[in-house]
Amino acid sequence: MALKRAQFLALTGLDIDGHTNMQRRDVYPVQPSYERAYNAFAAFAYRLSDRLAQSPDGHGMNRVMAGNIIRDCARMLIERADDIDASAEMFADAKSWREYASGDYGAPAQAILAGRLVLRGVKLGYQPFVGTPAELAAVLSEHHAIDVILTNATAHRVVFNNIAQGEGIDVADMWPDPSTFPTWDELCEEYAGTWNKIVEETYARRREQTESPARGNGGDGEST
């Protein structure tokens, strides 16, 4: 569903200056608009990154890093949309939540966590993660974890739905086609290409500096 800019700002909690600054710095996890039509998923992704940037429990970080973390797992979030929505429905219900917290339940939908795992021996040294606590435990049992940076996508979906309801905005069908977002393997190739280019350019500049005549000697390499 296409949103107007005012609706997008209401969902993100940003004012126009904050929105302009985010666009200028290119730190939105997902591009918020296409041909002036704003989208709810971009607002949701921003909320997740904002939590990482503003978190009081130790995850506070700059917005570039927070945006990159959520950008990396955008496709995975969309692919787990049904699980996020199902768990959010349960978490939004007070009775279901009390049963879940007390352990008096059958097989409820587990919360979906999203973020980054810094692991030894994986591509780039880290990988995005979107999944349940049980799935997280399975990954960590197979890898040596250096750092775990996660936020609760289910809880954010509950808050996001409440904000949208208060503003009269329909976000039920906010999830885009996952094929419009790159996979993690595709992102790895993109990041590796960018890194290799930076390295090549750096070495090229160093070679130029080494091969250029010494300054202050008239360019003939002889000292006086």
Protein backbone atom coordinates (compact mmCIF):
# COMPACT_ATOMS: atom_id res chain seq x y z
CA MET A 1 0.00 0.00 0.00
CA ALA A 2 1.39 3.39 -1.02
CA LEU A 3 1.55 6.03 1.70
CA LYS A 4 1.62 9.77 1.65
CA ARG A 5 4.66 11.45 3.16
CA ALA A 6 2.68 12.63 6.19
CA GLN A 7 1.62 9.04 6.87
CA PHE A 8 5.18 7.78 6.52
CA LEU A 9 6.41 10.41 8.99
CA ALA A 10 3.65 9.46 11.43
CA LEU A 11 4.73 5.81 11.31
CA THR A 12 8.41 6.60 11.80
CA GLY A 13 8.00 9.38 14.37
CA LEU A 14 10.29 11.62 12.29
CA ASP A 15 9.66 15.24 11.44
CA ILE A 16 10.40 16.61 7.98
CA ASP A 17 13.89 17.79 8.96
CA GLY A 18 14.80 14.39 10.38
CA HIS A 19 13.45 12.67 7.28
CA THR A 20 15.42 14.98 4.98
CA ASN A 21 18.59 14.37 6.99
CA MET A 22 18.12 10.59 6.82
CA GLN A 23 17.69 10.75 3.06
CA ARG A 24 20.66 13.11 2.59
CA ARG A 25 22.93 10.78 4.57
CA ASP A 26 21.45 7.69 2.87
CA VAL A 27 21.02 5.85 6.19
CA TYR A 28 17.48 4.54 5.77
CA PRO A 29 17.64 0.72 5.88
CA VAL A 30 15.09 0.59 3.03
CA GLN A 31 14.42 3.34 0.52
CA PRO A 32 11.25 5.01 1.86
CA SER A 33 9.76 6.12 -1.42
CA TYR A 34 9.60 5.40 -5.10
CA GLU A 35 8.23 8.05 -7.44
CA ARG A 36 6.97 9.93 -4.36
CA ALA A 37 4.94 6.95 -3.12
CA TYR A 38 6.06 6.01 0.41
CA ASN A 39 5.84 2.48 1.79
CA ALA A 40 5.05 1.06 5.21
CA PHE A 41 7.78 -1.59 5.18
CA ALA A 42 10.43 1.12 4.95
CA ALA A 43 8.87 2.78 8.00
CA PHE A 44 8.93 -0.54 9.88
CA ALA A 45 12.56 -1.14 8.92
CA TYR A 46 13.43 2.35 10.14
CA ARG A 47 11.79 1.58 13.50
CA LEU A 48 13.99 -1.49 13.88
CA SER A 49 17.16 0.44 13.05
CA ASP A 50 16.13 3.29 15.34
CA ARG A 51 15.87 0.82 18.20
CA LEU A 52 19.43 -0.35 17.57
CA ALA A 53 20.65 3.25 17.39
CA GLN A 54 18.75 4.48 20.44
CA SER A 55 18.72 1.33 22.57
CA PRO A 56 19.46 1.96 26.27
CA ASP A 57 20.47 -1.68 26.89
CA GLY A 58 23.86 -1.61 25.25
CA HIS A 59 23.14 -1.75 21.50
CA GLY A 60 23.30 2.02 20.98
CA MET A 61 25.30 2.67 17.80
CA ASN A 62 25.56 5.19 14.99
CA ARG A 63 22.74 5.25 12.46
CA VAL A 64 24.91 4.13 9.58
CA MET A 65 25.71 0.84 11.29
CA ALA A 66 22.14 0.40 12.55
CA GLY A 67 20.76 1.02 9.07
CA ASN A 68 23.23 -1.41 7.52
CA ILE A 69 22.29 -4.17 9.96
CA ILE A 70 18.59 -3.95 9.13
CA ARG A 71 19.30 -3.44 5.41
CA ASP A 72 21.22 -6.72 5.38
CA CYS A 73 18.31 -8.67 6.83
CA ALA A 74 15.47 -6.89 4.95
CA ARG A 75 14.76 -9.83 2.64
CA MET A 76 14.84 -12.28 5.53
CA LEU A 77 12.32 -10.14 7.43
CA ILE A 78 9.94 -10.25 4.48
CA GLU A 79 10.41 -14.01 4.14
CA ARG A 80 9.40 -14.40 7.80
CA ALA A 81 6.45 -12.01 7.50
CA ASP A 82 3.86 -14.67 8.33
CA ASP A 83 5.75 -15.65 11.48
CA ILE A 84 6.18 -12.03 12.55
CA ASP A 85 2.49 -11.29 12.04
CA ALA A 86 1.36 -14.49 13.78
CA SER A 87 3.58 -13.91 16.81
CA ALA A 88 2.61 -10.23 16.95
CA GLU A 89 -1.06 -11.18 17.08
CA MET A 90 -0.39 -13.38 20.09
CA PHE A 91 1.87 -10.86 21.81
CA ALA A 92 -0.72 -8.12 21.34
CA ASP A 93 -3.27 -10.15 23.28
CA ALA A 94 -2.78 -9.64 27.02
CA LYS A 95 -4.22 -13.02 27.97
CA SER A 96 -2.04 -14.88 25.47
CA TRP A 97 1.00 -12.99 26.69
CA ARG A 98 0.32 -13.89 30.33
CA GLU A 99 -0.02 -17.55 29.35
CA TYR A 100 3.19 -17.35 27.33
CA ALA A 101 5.13 -15.68 30.15
CA SER A 102 3.86 -18.17 32.75
CA GLY A 103 4.62 -21.19 30.60
CA ASP A 104 0.96 -22.24 30.54
CA TYR A 105 0.51 -22.67 26.82
CA GLY A 106 0.47 -25.26 24.07
CA ALA A 107 2.59 -24.29 21.07
CA PRO A 108 2.46 -20.50 20.62
CA ALA A 109 4.18 -18.61 17.86
CA GLN A 110 7.68 -17.69 19.02
CA ALA A 111 8.93 -14.13 18.82
CA ILE A 112 11.03 -13.31 15.76
CA LEU A 113 14.35 -11.62 16.45
CA ALA A 114 16.30 -9.66 13.84
CA GLY A 115 19.80 -8.25 13.59
CA ARG A 116 23.41 -9.37 13.16
CA LEU A 117 25.54 -12.21 14.46
CA VAL A 118 29.30 -11.68 14.51
CA LEU A 119 30.66 -15.19 14.10
CA ARG A 120 34.09 -16.68 13.60
CA GLY A 121 34.60 -18.40 10.27
CA VAL A 122 31.68 -16.96 8.25
CA LYS A 123 31.72 -14.64 5.23
CA LEU A 124 32.77 -11.09 6.16
CA GLY A 125 32.93 -12.21 9.80
CA TYR A 126 29.23 -11.64 10.38
CA GLN A 127 25.82 -12.55 8.99
CA PRO A 128 22.27 -11.22 9.29
CA PHE A 129 19.82 -13.17 11.42
CA VAL A 130 16.04 -13.31 11.45
CA GLY A 131 14.47 -16.11 13.44
CA THR A 132 13.18 -17.47 16.72
CA PRO A 133 15.18 -17.87 19.94
CA ALA A 134 15.31 -21.62 19.25
CA GLU A 135 16.77 -20.98 15.78
CA LEU A 136 19.27 -18.55 17.29
CA ALA A 137 20.39 -21.19 19.78
CA ALA A 138 20.91 -23.66 16.92
CA VAL A 139 23.15 -21.20 15.04
CA LEU A 140 25.18 -20.31 18.12
CA SER A 141 25.68 -23.99 18.95
CA GLU A 142 27.52 -24.41 15.63
CA HIS A 143 29.61 -21.23 15.59
CA HIS A 144 31.85 -19.31 17.95
CA ALA A 145 29.94 -16.07 18.58
CA ILE A 146 31.92 -12.86 19.03
CA ASP A 147 28.91 -10.54 19.26
CA VAL A 148 25.12 -10.75 19.01
CA ILE A 149 23.16 -7.64 18.02
CA LEU A 150 19.41 -8.28 17.92
CA THR A 151 16.09 -6.58 18.39
CA ASN A 152 12.61 -8.07 18.70
CA ALA A 153 10.81 -7.76 15.35
CA THR A 154 7.62 -9.19 16.82
CA ALA A 155 7.45 -6.54 19.54
CA HIS A 156 8.13 -3.85 16.95
CA ARG A 157 5.31 -5.15 14.78
CA VAL A 158 2.91 -4.85 17.74
CA VAL A 159 4.00 -1.26 18.40
CA PHE A 160 3.95 -0.46 14.69
CA ASN A 161 0.39 -1.79 14.35
CA ASN A 162 -0.74 0.30 17.33
CA ILE A 163 0.79 3.46 15.88
CA ALA A 164 -0.81 2.77 12.50
CA GLN A 165 -4.19 2.13 14.08
CA GLY A 166 -4.00 5.40 15.99
CA GLU A 167 -3.20 7.25 12.76
CA GLY A 168 -5.85 5.44 10.74
CA ILE A 169 -3.26 3.84 8.43
CA ASP A 170 -3.71 0.33 7.05
CA VAL A 171 -0.43 -1.61 7.31
CA ALA A 172 -1.84 -5.14 7.16
CA ASP A 173 -0.35 -5.73 3.72
CA MET A 174 2.90 -3.84 4.21
CA TRP A 175 5.22 -6.66 3.15
CA PRO A 176 6.77 -6.26 -0.34
CA ASP A 177 7.88 -9.01 -2.70
CA PRO A 178 11.07 -10.53 -1.23
CA SER A 179 12.53 -11.05 -4.70
CA THR A 180 12.91 -7.26 -5.00
CA PHE A 181 15.58 -7.39 -2.28
CA PRO A 182 19.03 -9.01 -2.59
CA THR A 183 19.91 -12.23 -0.81
CA TRP A 184 22.74 -12.33 1.70
CA ASP A 185 25.00 -14.08 -0.80
CA GLU A 186 24.33 -11.32 -3.35
CA LEU A 187 25.10 -8.67 -0.74
CA CYS A 188 28.34 -10.45 0.15
CA GLU A 189 29.44 -10.28 -3.48
CA GLU A 190 28.52 -6.60 -3.63
CA TYR A 191 30.40 -5.79 -0.41
CA ALA A 192 33.45 -7.82 -1.48
CA GLY A 193 33.53 -6.01 -4.83
CA THR A 194 33.35 -2.64 -3.10
CA TRP A 195 36.11 -3.61 -0.67
CA ASN A 196 38.38 -4.92 -3.44
CA LYS A 197 37.92 -1.68 -5.36
CA ILE A 198 38.86 0.38 -2.31
CA VAL A 199 41.97 -1.75 -1.73
CA GLU A 200 43.05 -1.46 -5.38
CA GLU A 201 42.58 2.31 -5.38
CA THR A 202 44.53 2.63 -2.13
CA TYR A 203 47.48 0.63 -3.46
CA ALA A 204 47.40 2.60 -6.72
CA ARG A 205 47.70 5.89 -4.80
CA ARG A 206 50.58 4.52 -2.74
CA ARG A 207 52.43 3.39 -5.87
CA GLU A 208 52.00 6.84 -7.41
CA GLN A 209 53.39 8.48 -4.27
CA THR A 210 56.35 6.07 -4.18
CA GLU A 211 57.22 6.50 -7.84
CA SER A 212 56.88 10.29 -7.92
CA PRO A 213 60.14 12.37 -7.60
CA ALA A 214 61.10 13.49 -4.14
CA ARG A 215 59.79 16.95 -3.38
CA GLY A 216 62.16 19.83 -2.96
CA ASN A 217 65.04 18.45 -5.03
CA GLY A 218 64.12 19.92 -8.40
CA GLY A 219 62.74 16.62 -9.64
CA ASP A 220 66.16 15.15 -10.61
CA GLY A 221 66.48 12.93 -7.56
CA GLU A 222 69.87 14.57 -6.64
CA SER A 223 70.49 16.28 -3.36
CA THR A 224 72.40 19.51 -3.09
